[in-house]
């Protein structure tokens, strides 16, 4: 739209420009494929993706997708598939949130730290790590059940708009630090922001090594061991 160019012309910060460009990008139309993006040199990923590909021909594997091309692919993906590189991996929250920020539903293996990500339950479709058949069933359901897919899109939108969105709050805090929004606007947008904890009181400085007391005998020098 004409207004988009006018808005971008006033923004010099490259991070902010990228965020605005994503928000203003036109609707890419129907979402078409299942997208996996990342390093496939891991034998574990190769085995899982090979099995998924035999059952889900819509699978698209990308190993060198970055920048605007990745943004476009995420906007066009019906599902983003997340597979761990190695056994016992932590949850790849950066990949999950990146996909959902483009409106893409995610099917993922659970991470070893899954108990720390309870806020993603019911938003990301999780399968137990290594359970390839469950991954396939969850992907297939999003592809074949329009009602289920629509419900997932709705939960992603609600998750992004939740009042305790730490990513949104952190980004607004960045805008405040850069002077791009006013303190009043930040306080209104993030009323629950917790200021940093005060620094702990400093302990008294230890006496210098070798310092002599004002009075009293000299301490014996310790024996080297």
N, C-alpha and C. Protein backbone atom coordinates (compact mmCIF):
# COMPACT_ATOMS: atom_id res chain seq x y z
N UNK A 1 0.82 -1.21 0.00
CA UNK A 1 0.00 0.00 0.00
C UNK A 1 0.85 1.25 0.00
N UNK A 2 0.27 2.37 -0.50
CA UNK A 2 1.03 3.60 -0.58
C UNK A 2 1.48 4.07 0.79
N UNK A 3 0.64 3.88 1.82
CA UNK A 3 1.00 4.32 3.16
C UNK A 3 2.22 3.58 3.70
N UNK A 4 2.42 2.33 3.26
CA UNK A 4 3.53 1.53 3.77
C UNK A 4 4.86 2.16 3.40
N UNK A 5 4.99 2.61 2.14
CA UNK A 5 6.24 3.24 1.72
C UNK A 5 6.49 4.52 2.52
N UNK A 6 5.42 5.26 2.81
CA UNK A 6 5.57 6.49 3.58
C UNK A 6 6.04 6.19 5.00
N UNK A 7 5.50 5.13 5.59
CA UNK A 7 5.91 4.75 6.95
C UNK A 7 7.38 4.33 6.97
N UNK A 8 7.76 3.45 6.03
CA UNK A 8 9.13 2.94 6.01
C UNK A 8 10.14 4.05 5.73
N UNK A 9 9.72 5.09 4.99
CA UNK A 9 10.63 6.18 4.66
C UNK A 9 11.06 6.96 5.89
N UNK A 10 10.28 6.85 6.96
CA UNK A 10 10.61 7.59 8.19
C UNK A 10 11.43 6.78 9.18
N UNK A 11 11.71 5.50 8.87
CA UNK A 11 12.37 4.59 9.81
C UNK A 11 13.79 4.30 9.33
N UNK A 12 14.77 4.61 10.18
CA UNK A 12 16.16 4.35 9.84
C UNK A 12 16.69 3.05 10.45
N UNK A 13 16.14 2.66 11.61
CA UNK A 13 16.65 1.49 12.31
C UNK A 13 16.35 0.22 11.51
N UNK A 14 17.38 -0.58 11.14
CA UNK A 14 17.15 -1.76 10.30
C UNK A 14 16.29 -2.82 10.96
N UNK A 15 16.42 -2.99 12.30
CA UNK A 15 15.60 -3.99 12.99
C UNK A 15 14.14 -3.60 12.95
N UNK A 16 13.87 -2.33 13.22
CA UNK A 16 12.49 -1.85 13.20
C UNK A 16 11.91 -1.90 11.79
N UNK A 17 12.73 -1.58 10.78
CA UNK A 17 12.26 -1.65 9.39
C UNK A 17 11.83 -3.06 9.03
N UNK A 18 12.65 -4.05 9.43
CA UNK A 18 12.31 -5.44 9.13
C UNK A 18 11.00 -5.84 9.78
N UNK A 19 10.82 -5.45 11.05
CA UNK A 19 9.58 -5.79 11.75
C UNK A 19 8.37 -5.17 11.06
N UNK A 20 8.50 -3.92 10.64
CA UNK A 20 7.38 -3.25 9.97
C UNK A 20 7.11 -3.88 8.61
N UNK A 21 8.15 -4.25 7.89
CA UNK A 21 7.96 -4.88 6.58
C UNK A 21 7.21 -6.20 6.69
N UNK A 22 7.52 -6.97 7.75
CA UNK A 22 6.80 -8.23 7.96
C UNK A 22 5.33 -7.96 8.23
N UNK A 23 5.05 -6.95 9.07
CA UNK A 23 3.67 -6.64 9.42
C UNK A 23 2.88 -6.13 8.21
N UNK A 24 3.55 -5.40 7.32
CA UNK A 24 2.86 -4.80 6.18
C UNK A 24 2.85 -5.68 4.94
N UNK A 25 3.49 -6.84 5.01
CA UNK A 25 3.55 -7.70 3.83
C UNK A 25 2.15 -8.16 3.43
N UNK A 26 1.83 -8.13 2.15
CA UNK A 26 0.50 -8.56 1.72
C UNK A 26 0.24 -10.03 2.04
N UNK A 27 -1.04 -10.38 2.14
CA UNK A 27 -1.42 -11.76 2.38
C UNK A 27 -0.93 -12.62 1.22
N UNK A 28 -0.11 -13.65 1.48
CA UNK A 28 0.44 -14.45 0.39
C UNK A 28 -0.56 -15.40 -0.24
N UNK A 29 -1.75 -15.49 0.31
CA UNK A 29 -2.76 -16.40 -0.24
C UNK A 29 -2.75 -17.73 0.49
N UNK A 30 -3.31 -18.76 -0.14
CA UNK A 30 -3.43 -20.07 0.54
C UNK A 30 -2.07 -20.61 0.96
N UNK A 31 -2.04 -21.18 2.14
CA UNK A 31 -0.81 -21.82 2.62
C UNK A 31 -0.73 -23.20 1.98
N UNK A 32 0.48 -23.59 1.52
CA UNK A 32 0.54 -24.70 0.58
C UNK A 32 1.33 -25.91 1.03
N UNK A 33 2.30 -25.77 1.88
CA UNK A 33 3.18 -26.91 2.13
C UNK A 33 3.56 -27.04 3.59
N UNK A 34 4.25 -28.15 3.87
CA UNK A 34 4.83 -28.38 5.19
C UNK A 34 6.30 -28.02 5.07
N UNK A 35 6.74 -27.09 5.88
CA UNK A 35 8.10 -26.57 5.75
C UNK A 35 8.98 -27.03 6.90
N UNK A 36 10.11 -27.64 6.56
CA UNK A 36 11.20 -27.83 7.52
C UNK A 36 12.36 -27.01 7.02
N UNK A 37 12.94 -26.19 7.90
CA UNK A 37 14.13 -25.45 7.50
C UNK A 37 15.20 -25.59 8.58
N UNK A 38 16.43 -25.81 8.13
CA UNK A 38 17.52 -26.00 9.07
C UNK A 38 18.56 -26.96 8.52
N UNK A 39 19.51 -27.30 9.36
CA UNK A 39 20.63 -28.17 9.01
C UNK A 39 20.16 -29.62 8.99
N UNK A 40 20.41 -30.32 7.89
CA UNK A 40 20.01 -31.73 7.80
C UNK A 40 21.22 -32.66 7.78
N UNK A 41 22.36 -32.18 8.27
CA UNK A 41 23.54 -33.05 8.32
C UNK A 41 23.43 -34.08 9.45
N UNK A 42 22.51 -33.88 10.37
CA UNK A 42 22.32 -34.81 11.47
C UNK A 42 21.65 -36.10 10.99
N UNK A 43 22.26 -37.27 11.25
CA UNK A 43 21.61 -38.53 10.87
C UNK A 43 20.22 -38.68 11.48
N UNK A 44 20.04 -38.13 12.66
CA UNK A 44 18.74 -38.22 13.32
C UNK A 44 17.68 -37.47 12.51
N UNK A 45 17.99 -36.25 12.12
CA UNK A 45 17.04 -35.48 11.29
C UNK A 45 16.81 -36.15 9.95
N UNK A 46 17.88 -36.67 9.35
CA UNK A 46 17.73 -37.33 8.05
C UNK A 46 16.76 -38.50 8.14
N UNK A 47 16.90 -39.29 9.20
CA UNK A 47 16.02 -40.46 9.36
C UNK A 47 14.56 -40.04 9.54
N UNK A 48 14.32 -39.05 10.39
CA UNK A 48 12.95 -38.64 10.66
C UNK A 48 12.33 -37.97 9.43
N UNK A 49 13.07 -37.08 8.80
CA UNK A 49 12.53 -36.37 7.63
C UNK A 49 12.30 -37.32 6.46
N UNK A 50 13.17 -38.31 6.32
CA UNK A 50 12.98 -39.29 5.25
C UNK A 50 11.67 -40.05 5.44
N UNK A 51 11.38 -40.44 6.66
CA UNK A 51 10.12 -41.14 6.95
C UNK A 51 8.92 -40.22 6.72
N UNK A 52 9.00 -38.97 7.18
CA UNK A 52 7.90 -38.03 6.99
C UNK A 52 7.63 -37.82 5.50
N UNK A 53 8.69 -37.70 4.71
CA UNK A 53 8.54 -37.43 3.28
C UNK A 53 7.83 -38.55 2.54
N UNK A 54 7.95 -39.79 3.03
CA UNK A 54 7.30 -40.91 2.36
C UNK A 54 5.78 -40.86 2.54
N UNK A 55 5.31 -40.18 3.57
CA UNK A 55 3.89 -40.14 3.89
C UNK A 55 3.27 -38.78 3.57
N UNK A 56 4.09 -37.74 3.62
CA UNK A 56 3.58 -36.38 3.42
C UNK A 56 4.33 -35.76 2.24
N UNK A 57 3.78 -35.90 1.04
CA UNK A 57 4.46 -35.36 -0.14
C UNK A 57 4.54 -33.84 -0.13
N UNK A 58 3.75 -33.19 0.71
CA UNK A 58 3.79 -31.73 0.80
C UNK A 58 5.04 -31.21 1.51
N UNK A 59 5.87 -32.11 2.05
CA UNK A 59 7.04 -31.69 2.82
C UNK A 59 8.05 -30.98 1.91
N UNK A 60 8.47 -29.82 2.37
CA UNK A 60 9.49 -29.03 1.67
C UNK A 60 10.64 -28.84 2.66
N UNK A 61 11.84 -29.30 2.27
CA UNK A 61 13.01 -29.21 3.14
C UNK A 61 13.93 -28.14 2.59
N UNK A 62 14.24 -27.15 3.44
CA UNK A 62 15.11 -26.05 3.05
C UNK A 62 16.29 -25.98 4.01
N UNK A 63 17.50 -25.98 3.44
CA UNK A 63 18.71 -25.97 4.27
C UNK A 63 19.47 -24.65 4.23
N UNK A 64 19.08 -23.76 3.34
CA UNK A 64 19.81 -22.48 3.22
C UNK A 64 18.82 -21.37 2.90
N UNK A 65 17.85 -21.21 3.76
CA UNK A 65 16.79 -20.22 3.55
C UNK A 65 16.90 -19.16 4.63
N UNK A 66 17.10 -17.91 4.22
CA UNK A 66 17.31 -16.83 5.17
C UNK A 66 16.62 -15.56 4.69
N UNK A 67 16.51 -14.59 5.59
CA UNK A 67 16.05 -13.26 5.23
C UNK A 67 14.66 -13.24 4.62
N UNK A 68 14.45 -12.36 3.63
CA UNK A 68 13.12 -12.23 3.02
C UNK A 68 12.59 -13.53 2.42
N UNK A 69 13.48 -14.37 1.89
CA UNK A 69 13.03 -15.64 1.31
C UNK A 69 12.44 -16.54 2.38
N UNK A 70 13.04 -16.55 3.57
CA UNK A 70 12.50 -17.33 4.68
C UNK A 70 11.19 -16.74 5.16
N UNK A 71 11.11 -15.42 5.25
CA UNK A 71 9.85 -14.77 5.65
C UNK A 71 8.72 -15.19 4.71
N UNK A 72 9.00 -15.16 3.42
CA UNK A 72 7.98 -15.51 2.44
C UNK A 72 7.56 -16.97 2.57
N UNK A 73 8.53 -17.86 2.76
CA UNK A 73 8.22 -19.28 2.89
C UNK A 73 7.37 -19.54 4.13
N UNK A 74 7.67 -18.85 5.23
CA UNK A 74 6.89 -19.03 6.45
C UNK A 74 5.47 -18.51 6.27
N UNK A 75 5.31 -17.43 5.52
CA UNK A 75 3.97 -16.90 5.26
C UNK A 75 3.15 -17.84 4.38
N UNK A 76 3.82 -18.68 3.61
CA UNK A 76 3.13 -19.59 2.69
C UNK A 76 2.99 -21.00 3.24
N UNK A 77 3.62 -21.29 4.40
CA UNK A 77 3.61 -22.65 4.94
C UNK A 77 2.29 -22.96 5.64
N UNK A 78 1.73 -24.13 5.34
CA UNK A 78 0.54 -24.59 6.06
C UNK A 78 0.92 -25.13 7.43
N UNK A 79 2.14 -25.70 7.52
CA UNK A 79 2.66 -26.23 8.78
C UNK A 79 4.17 -26.06 8.75
N UNK A 80 4.76 -25.72 9.90
CA UNK A 80 6.21 -25.76 10.06
C UNK A 80 6.53 -26.95 10.95
N UNK A 81 7.43 -27.80 10.49
CA UNK A 81 7.82 -28.99 11.23
C UNK A 81 9.15 -28.75 11.92
N UNK A 82 9.20 -29.02 13.23
CA UNK A 82 10.44 -28.84 13.99
C UNK A 82 10.93 -30.20 14.49
N UNK A 83 12.14 -30.55 14.08
CA UNK A 83 12.76 -31.83 14.45
C UNK A 83 14.10 -31.53 15.11
N UNK A 84 14.37 -32.17 16.25
CA UNK A 84 15.62 -31.92 16.96
C UNK A 84 16.83 -32.42 16.17
N UNK A 85 17.94 -31.69 16.33
CA UNK A 85 19.18 -32.09 15.67
C UNK A 85 19.78 -33.32 16.34
N UNK A 86 19.63 -33.41 17.67
CA UNK A 86 20.22 -34.53 18.40
C UNK A 86 19.28 -34.95 19.52
N UNK A 87 19.53 -36.12 20.07
CA UNK A 87 18.71 -36.63 21.17
C UNK A 87 18.88 -35.75 22.41
N UNK A 88 17.80 -35.60 23.16
CA UNK A 88 17.86 -34.85 24.39
C UNK A 88 18.00 -33.35 24.20
N UNK A 89 17.61 -32.83 23.03
CA UNK A 89 17.78 -31.41 22.74
C UNK A 89 16.77 -30.56 23.51
N UNK A 90 17.18 -29.33 23.82
CA UNK A 90 16.25 -28.37 24.39
C UNK A 90 15.29 -27.90 23.28
N UNK A 91 14.15 -27.37 23.68
CA UNK A 91 13.16 -26.93 22.71
C UNK A 91 13.69 -25.72 21.94
N UNK A 92 13.56 -25.76 20.63
CA UNK A 92 14.05 -24.69 19.76
C UNK A 92 13.03 -23.55 19.71
N UNK A 93 12.91 -22.81 20.80
CA UNK A 93 11.86 -21.80 20.91
C UNK A 93 12.01 -20.69 19.87
N UNK A 94 13.24 -20.38 19.47
CA UNK A 94 13.43 -19.33 18.46
C UNK A 94 12.76 -19.72 17.15
N UNK A 95 12.93 -20.98 16.74
CA UNK A 95 12.31 -21.43 15.49
C UNK A 95 10.78 -21.44 15.63
N UNK A 96 10.29 -21.91 16.75
CA UNK A 96 8.84 -22.00 16.94
C UNK A 96 8.20 -20.63 16.91
N UNK A 97 8.77 -19.69 17.66
CA UNK A 97 8.16 -18.37 17.71
C UNK A 97 8.33 -17.62 16.39
N UNK A 98 9.42 -17.86 15.69
CA UNK A 98 9.60 -17.24 14.38
C UNK A 98 8.51 -17.70 13.43
N UNK A 99 8.23 -19.00 13.43
CA UNK A 99 7.18 -19.53 12.55
C UNK A 99 5.82 -18.94 12.92
N UNK A 100 5.50 -18.93 14.22
CA UNK A 100 4.19 -18.44 14.64
C UNK A 100 4.05 -16.94 14.41
N UNK A 101 5.16 -16.19 14.43
CA UNK A 101 5.07 -14.76 14.16
C UNK A 101 4.65 -14.49 12.73
N UNK A 102 4.80 -15.48 11.86
CA UNK A 102 4.33 -15.39 10.48
C UNK A 102 2.99 -16.10 10.30
N UNK A 103 2.37 -16.49 11.41
CA UNK A 103 1.05 -17.11 11.34
C UNK A 103 1.04 -18.58 11.01
N UNK A 104 2.20 -19.24 11.04
CA UNK A 104 2.28 -20.65 10.65
C UNK A 104 2.11 -21.57 11.85
N UNK A 105 1.18 -22.53 11.78
CA UNK A 105 1.09 -23.54 12.85
C UNK A 105 2.36 -24.38 12.89
N UNK A 106 2.69 -24.89 14.07
CA UNK A 106 3.93 -25.65 14.25
C UNK A 106 3.63 -27.02 14.84
N UNK A 107 4.26 -28.03 14.26
CA UNK A 107 4.29 -29.37 14.85
C UNK A 107 5.74 -29.63 15.23
N UNK A 108 5.95 -30.03 16.48
CA UNK A 108 7.32 -30.13 16.98
C UNK A 108 7.48 -31.33 17.91
N UNK A 109 8.69 -31.86 17.93
CA UNK A 109 9.05 -32.78 19.01
C UNK A 109 9.14 -32.00 20.31
N UNK A 110 8.75 -32.63 21.40
CA UNK A 110 8.92 -32.01 22.72
C UNK A 110 10.41 -31.92 23.04
N UNK A 111 10.77 -30.91 23.82
CA UNK A 111 12.16 -30.73 24.20
C UNK A 111 12.46 -31.34 25.56
N UNK A 112 13.74 -31.47 25.85
CA UNK A 112 14.15 -32.00 27.15
C UNK A 112 13.75 -31.06 28.29
N UNK A 113 13.55 -29.78 27.96
CA UNK A 113 13.14 -28.78 28.95
C UNK A 113 11.66 -28.41 28.79
N UNK A 114 10.86 -29.37 28.35
CA UNK A 114 9.46 -29.10 28.03
C UNK A 114 8.68 -28.50 29.20
N UNK A 115 9.07 -28.86 30.41
CA UNK A 115 8.34 -28.35 31.58
C UNK A 115 8.50 -26.84 31.74
N UNK A 116 9.43 -26.24 31.03
CA UNK A 116 9.62 -24.79 31.11
C UNK A 116 8.81 -24.04 30.05
N UNK A 117 8.08 -24.77 29.23
CA UNK A 117 7.36 -24.14 28.13
C UNK A 117 5.88 -24.50 28.14
N UNK A 118 5.31 -24.51 29.33
CA UNK A 118 3.90 -24.84 29.45
C UNK A 118 2.99 -23.87 28.74
N UNK A 119 3.47 -22.63 28.50
CA UNK A 119 2.63 -21.64 27.83
C UNK A 119 2.39 -22.00 26.36
N UNK A 120 3.17 -22.94 25.81
CA UNK A 120 2.99 -23.34 24.41
C UNK A 120 2.05 -24.54 24.25
N UNK A 121 1.59 -25.11 25.36
CA UNK A 121 0.66 -26.24 25.29
C UNK A 121 -0.65 -25.76 24.66
N UNK A 122 -1.14 -26.53 23.69
CA UNK A 122 -2.36 -26.16 23.01
C UNK A 122 -2.17 -25.12 21.93
N UNK A 123 -0.94 -24.64 21.74
CA UNK A 123 -0.63 -23.67 20.69
C UNK A 123 0.27 -24.32 19.64
N UNK A 124 1.32 -24.99 20.11
CA UNK A 124 2.15 -25.84 19.25
C UNK A 124 1.68 -27.28 19.43
N UNK A 125 1.61 -28.04 18.33
CA UNK A 125 1.27 -29.46 18.42
C UNK A 125 2.53 -30.25 18.72
N UNK A 126 2.63 -30.76 19.94
CA UNK A 126 3.84 -31.48 20.36
C UNK A 126 3.64 -32.99 20.28
N UNK A 127 4.70 -33.66 19.79
CA UNK A 127 4.80 -35.12 19.86
C UNK A 127 6.00 -35.45 20.74
N UNK A 128 5.98 -36.61 21.35
CA UNK A 128 7.13 -37.03 22.14
C UNK A 128 8.36 -37.11 21.25
N UNK A 129 9.52 -36.75 21.79
CA UNK A 129 10.76 -36.79 21.01
C UNK A 129 10.98 -38.18 20.45
N UNK A 130 11.21 -38.26 19.16
CA UNK A 130 11.47 -39.54 18.50
C UNK A 130 10.23 -40.26 18.01
N UNK A 131 9.03 -39.79 18.35
CA UNK A 131 7.79 -40.46 17.93
C UNK A 131 7.40 -39.93 16.55
N UNK A 132 7.99 -40.51 15.51
CA UNK A 132 7.80 -40.01 14.15
C UNK A 132 6.36 -40.18 13.70
N UNK A 133 5.73 -41.30 14.07
CA UNK A 133 4.36 -41.54 13.61
C UNK A 133 3.40 -40.52 14.20
N UNK A 134 3.63 -40.10 15.43
CA UNK A 134 2.79 -39.07 16.04
C UNK A 134 3.01 -37.74 15.35
N UNK A 135 4.27 -37.42 15.02
CA UNK A 135 4.53 -36.20 14.25
C UNK A 135 3.74 -36.20 12.94
N UNK A 136 3.79 -37.33 12.25
CA UNK A 136 3.09 -37.45 10.96
C UNK A 136 1.59 -37.24 11.16
N UNK A 137 1.01 -37.88 12.17
CA UNK A 137 -0.43 -37.75 12.41
C UNK A 137 -0.81 -36.30 12.71
N UNK A 138 0.01 -35.61 13.48
CA UNK A 138 -0.30 -34.23 13.83
C UNK A 138 -0.18 -33.30 12.63
N UNK A 139 0.81 -33.52 11.79
CA UNK A 139 0.94 -32.74 10.56
C UNK A 139 -0.25 -33.00 9.65
N UNK A 140 -0.58 -34.30 9.49
CA UNK A 140 -1.67 -34.66 8.59
C UNK A 140 -3.01 -34.07 9.04
N UNK A 141 -3.22 -34.00 10.36
CA UNK A 141 -4.46 -33.44 10.87
C UNK A 141 -4.58 -31.96 10.53
N UNK A 142 -3.47 -31.23 10.65
CA UNK A 142 -3.50 -29.81 10.29
C UNK A 142 -3.76 -29.62 8.79
N UNK A 143 -3.26 -30.54 7.98
CA UNK A 143 -3.46 -30.44 6.53
C UNK A 143 -4.86 -30.85 6.11
N UNK A 144 -5.43 -31.85 6.77
CA UNK A 144 -6.66 -32.46 6.30
C UNK A 144 -7.92 -32.03 7.05
N UNK A 145 -7.75 -31.39 8.19
CA UNK A 145 -8.90 -31.01 9.02
C UNK A 145 -8.97 -29.48 9.08
N UNK A 146 -9.77 -28.85 8.20
CA UNK A 146 -9.83 -27.38 8.17
C UNK A 146 -10.26 -26.77 9.50
N UNK A 147 -11.16 -27.44 10.22
CA UNK A 147 -11.62 -26.91 11.50
C UNK A 147 -10.48 -26.89 12.52
N UNK A 148 -9.68 -27.96 12.52
CA UNK A 148 -8.55 -28.01 13.45
C UNK A 148 -7.52 -26.95 13.08
N UNK A 149 -7.25 -26.79 11.79
CA UNK A 149 -6.28 -25.79 11.34
C UNK A 149 -6.77 -24.38 11.71
N UNK A 150 -8.06 -24.12 11.51
CA UNK A 150 -8.61 -22.80 11.84
C UNK A 150 -8.49 -22.52 13.33
N UNK A 151 -8.71 -23.55 14.14
CA UNK A 151 -8.58 -23.38 15.59
C UNK A 151 -7.14 -23.06 15.97
N UNK A 152 -6.18 -23.70 15.28
CA UNK A 152 -4.77 -23.42 15.57
C UNK A 152 -4.41 -21.98 15.17
N UNK A 153 -4.89 -21.53 14.02
CA UNK A 153 -4.63 -20.15 13.62
C UNK A 153 -5.18 -19.19 14.67
N UNK A 154 -6.37 -19.49 15.20
CA UNK A 154 -6.99 -18.62 16.20
C UNK A 154 -6.18 -18.61 17.50
N UNK A 155 -5.68 -19.78 17.91
CA UNK A 155 -4.89 -19.82 19.15
C UNK A 155 -3.56 -19.09 18.99
N UNK A 156 -2.97 -19.15 17.80
CA UNK A 156 -1.73 -18.42 17.55
C UNK A 156 -1.98 -16.92 17.64
N UNK A 157 -3.09 -16.45 17.03
CA UNK A 157 -3.42 -15.02 17.10
C UNK A 157 -3.65 -14.59 18.55
N UNK A 158 -4.36 -15.43 19.31
CA UNK A 158 -4.62 -15.09 20.71
C UNK A 158 -3.34 -15.09 21.53
N UNK A 159 -2.44 -16.03 21.22
CA UNK A 159 -1.16 -16.11 21.94
C UNK A 159 -0.34 -14.84 21.68
N UNK A 160 -0.35 -14.38 20.43
CA UNK A 160 0.41 -13.17 20.09
C UNK A 160 -0.15 -11.94 20.77
N UNK A 161 -1.48 -11.93 21.02
CA UNK A 161 -2.13 -10.76 21.61
C UNK A 161 -2.24 -10.82 23.12
N UNK A 162 -1.71 -11.88 23.75
CA UNK A 162 -1.89 -12.04 25.19
C UNK A 162 -1.19 -10.90 25.94
N UNK A 163 -1.71 -10.50 27.09
CA UNK A 163 -1.14 -9.36 27.80
C UNK A 163 0.25 -9.62 28.39
N UNK A 164 0.60 -10.91 28.62
CA UNK A 164 1.91 -11.21 29.21
C UNK A 164 2.92 -11.67 28.17
N UNK A 165 2.77 -11.17 26.94
CA UNK A 165 3.67 -11.54 25.85
C UNK A 165 5.05 -10.94 26.10
N UNK A 166 5.99 -11.77 26.54
CA UNK A 166 7.32 -11.28 26.88
C UNK A 166 8.08 -10.78 25.66
N UNK A 167 7.87 -11.42 24.50
CA UNK A 167 8.55 -10.98 23.29
C UNK A 167 8.07 -9.59 22.89
N UNK A 168 6.75 -9.38 22.91
CA UNK A 168 6.20 -8.07 22.57
C UNK A 168 6.68 -7.02 23.56
N UNK A 169 6.65 -7.37 24.85
CA UNK A 169 7.09 -6.42 25.87
C UNK A 169 8.56 -6.07 25.70
N UNK A 170 9.39 -7.08 25.40
CA UNK A 170 10.81 -6.82 25.20
C UNK A 170 11.08 -5.94 23.99
N UNK A 171 10.30 -6.16 22.91
CA UNK A 171 10.48 -5.34 21.72
C UNK A 171 10.06 -3.90 21.98
N UNK A 172 8.95 -3.72 22.71
CA UNK A 172 8.52 -2.37 23.05
C UNK A 172 9.55 -1.70 23.97
N UNK A 173 10.15 -2.48 24.86
CA UNK A 173 11.20 -1.91 25.72
C UNK A 173 12.39 -1.46 24.88
N UNK A 174 12.70 -2.21 23.83
CA UNK A 174 13.76 -1.80 22.91
C UNK A 174 13.40 -0.49 22.21
N UNK A 175 12.13 -0.37 21.76
CA UNK A 175 11.70 0.86 21.10
C UNK A 175 11.80 2.05 22.06
N UNK A 176 11.47 1.79 23.32
CA UNK A 176 11.58 2.86 24.33
C UNK A 176 13.04 3.27 24.52
N UNK A 177 13.92 2.29 24.61
CA UNK A 177 15.35 2.59 24.81
C UNK A 177 15.93 3.36 23.64
N UNK A 178 15.41 3.10 22.43
CA UNK A 178 15.89 3.80 21.24
C UNK A 178 15.22 5.15 21.04
N UNK A 179 14.28 5.50 21.94
CA UNK A 179 13.59 6.78 21.82
C UNK A 179 12.53 6.82 20.74
N UNK A 180 12.07 5.64 20.30
CA UNK A 180 11.08 5.58 19.22
C UNK A 180 9.65 5.62 19.73
N UNK A 181 9.45 5.37 21.02
CA UNK A 181 8.15 5.57 21.65
C UNK A 181 8.39 6.27 22.99
N UNK A 182 7.34 6.90 23.50
CA UNK A 182 7.47 7.65 24.75
C UNK A 182 7.30 6.73 25.95
N UNK A 183 7.82 7.14 27.13
CA UNK A 183 7.58 6.35 28.33
C UNK A 183 6.11 6.14 28.63
N UNK A 184 5.29 7.17 28.36
CA UNK A 184 3.85 7.04 28.61
C UNK A 184 3.23 5.98 27.71
N UNK A 185 3.66 5.96 26.44
CA UNK A 185 3.13 4.96 25.50
C UNK A 185 3.56 3.56 25.92
N UNK A 186 4.81 3.43 26.40
CA UNK A 186 5.28 2.12 26.85
C UNK A 186 4.49 1.66 28.07
N UNK A 187 4.30 2.55 29.05
CA UNK A 187 3.57 2.18 30.26
C UNK A 187 2.14 1.76 29.95
N UNK A 188 1.54 2.40 28.97
CA UNK A 188 0.17 2.05 28.59
C UNK A 188 0.13 0.70 27.88
N UNK A 189 1.14 0.43 27.04
CA UNK A 189 1.17 -0.82 26.27
C UNK A 189 1.58 -2.00 27.13
N UNK A 190 2.45 -1.77 28.12
CA UNK A 190 2.97 -2.87 28.95
C UNK A 190 2.82 -2.48 30.43
N UNK A 191 1.59 -2.44 30.93
CA UNK A 191 1.40 -1.99 32.32
C UNK A 191 2.00 -2.94 33.34
N UNK A 192 2.22 -4.21 32.95
CA UNK A 192 2.72 -5.19 33.91
C UNK A 192 4.23 -5.29 33.90
N UNK A 193 4.92 -4.38 33.19
CA UNK A 193 6.38 -4.45 33.10
C UNK A 193 7.01 -4.33 34.48
N UNK A 194 7.92 -5.25 34.79
CA UNK A 194 8.61 -5.23 36.06
C UNK A 194 9.96 -4.56 35.89
N UNK A 195 10.23 -3.48 36.63
CA UNK A 195 11.55 -2.84 36.49
C UNK A 195 12.64 -3.78 36.97
N UNK A 196 13.87 -3.57 36.52
CA UNK A 196 14.97 -4.43 36.96
C UNK A 196 15.12 -4.40 38.47
N UNK A 197 15.52 -5.53 39.03
CA UNK A 197 15.74 -5.60 40.47
C UNK A 197 16.91 -4.72 40.84
N UNK A 198 16.86 -4.05 42.02
CA UNK A 198 17.99 -3.21 42.42
C UNK A 198 19.24 -4.04 42.60
N UNK A 199 20.36 -3.42 42.31
CA UNK A 199 21.64 -4.13 42.47
C UNK A 199 21.88 -4.45 43.94
N UNK A 200 22.41 -5.62 44.26
CA UNK A 200 22.67 -5.96 45.66
C UNK A 200 23.73 -5.04 46.26
N UNK A 201 23.62 -4.83 47.55
CA UNK A 201 24.60 -3.99 48.23
C UNK A 201 25.98 -4.62 48.14
N UNK A 202 26.96 -3.78 47.95
CA UNK A 202 28.33 -4.30 47.83
C UNK A 202 28.86 -4.69 49.19
N UNK A 203 29.59 -5.79 49.24
CA UNK A 203 30.26 -6.21 50.47
C UNK A 203 31.48 -5.32 50.69
N UNK A 204 31.86 -5.12 51.93
CA UNK A 204 33.07 -4.31 52.19
C UNK A 204 34.27 -4.91 51.47
N UNK A 205 35.10 -4.04 50.97
CA UNK A 205 36.27 -4.49 50.23
C UNK A 205 37.20 -5.28 51.14
N UNK A 206 37.73 -6.37 50.64
CA UNK A 206 38.68 -7.17 51.41
C UNK A 206 40.01 -6.43 51.52
N UNK A 207 40.72 -6.57 52.63
CA UNK A 207 42.03 -5.91 52.75
C UNK A 207 42.99 -6.42 51.70
N UNK A 208 43.89 -5.56 51.28
CA UNK A 208 44.85 -5.94 50.25
C UNK A 208 45.71 -7.09 50.74
N UNK A 209 46.10 -7.96 49.79
CA UNK A 209 46.94 -9.09 50.14
C UNK A 209 48.28 -8.58 50.68
N UNK A 210 48.68 -9.11 51.82
CA UNK A 210 49.95 -8.70 52.40
C UNK A 210 49.87 -7.49 53.31
N UNK A 211 48.64 -6.90 53.42
CA UNK A 211 48.51 -5.73 54.28
C UNK A 211 48.72 -6.13 55.74
N UNK A 212 49.40 -5.25 56.50
CA UNK A 212 49.66 -5.54 57.91
C UNK A 212 48.60 -4.89 58.77
N UNK A 213 48.22 -5.56 59.82
CA UNK A 213 47.28 -4.96 60.77
C UNK A 213 47.98 -3.84 61.49
N UNK A 214 47.15 -2.90 62.02
CA UNK A 214 47.73 -1.75 62.73
C UNK A 214 48.53 -2.20 63.93
N UNK A 215 48.13 -3.28 64.53
CA UNK A 215 48.86 -3.79 65.69
C UNK A 215 48.75 -5.29 65.72
N UNK A 216 49.55 -5.92 66.51
CA UNK A 216 49.49 -7.36 66.63
C UNK A 216 50.58 -8.02 65.84
N UNK A 217 50.82 -9.28 66.07
CA UNK A 217 51.93 -9.99 65.41
C UNK A 217 51.64 -10.22 63.94
N UNK A 218 52.68 -10.31 63.15
CA UNK A 218 52.55 -10.61 61.72
C UNK A 218 52.07 -12.05 61.55
N UNK A 219 51.12 -12.26 60.67
CA UNK A 219 50.62 -13.60 60.42
C UNK A 219 51.71 -14.43 59.73
N UNK A 220 51.74 -15.71 60.06
CA UNK A 220 52.74 -16.59 59.46
C UNK A 220 52.45 -16.77 57.98
N UNK A 221 53.50 -16.80 57.17
CA UNK A 221 53.32 -16.98 55.73
C UNK A 221 52.97 -18.44 55.47
N UNK A 222 51.93 -18.70 54.69
CA UNK A 222 51.55 -20.10 54.43
C UNK A 222 52.61 -20.81 53.60
N UNK A 223 52.70 -22.10 53.83
CA UNK A 223 53.68 -22.92 53.11
C UNK A 223 53.13 -23.24 51.71
N UNK A 224 53.99 -23.10 50.68
CA UNK A 224 53.56 -23.45 49.32
C UNK A 224 53.39 -24.97 49.20
N UNK A 225 52.28 -25.39 48.53
CA UNK A 225 52.06 -26.83 48.34
C UNK A 225 51.89 -27.14 46.87
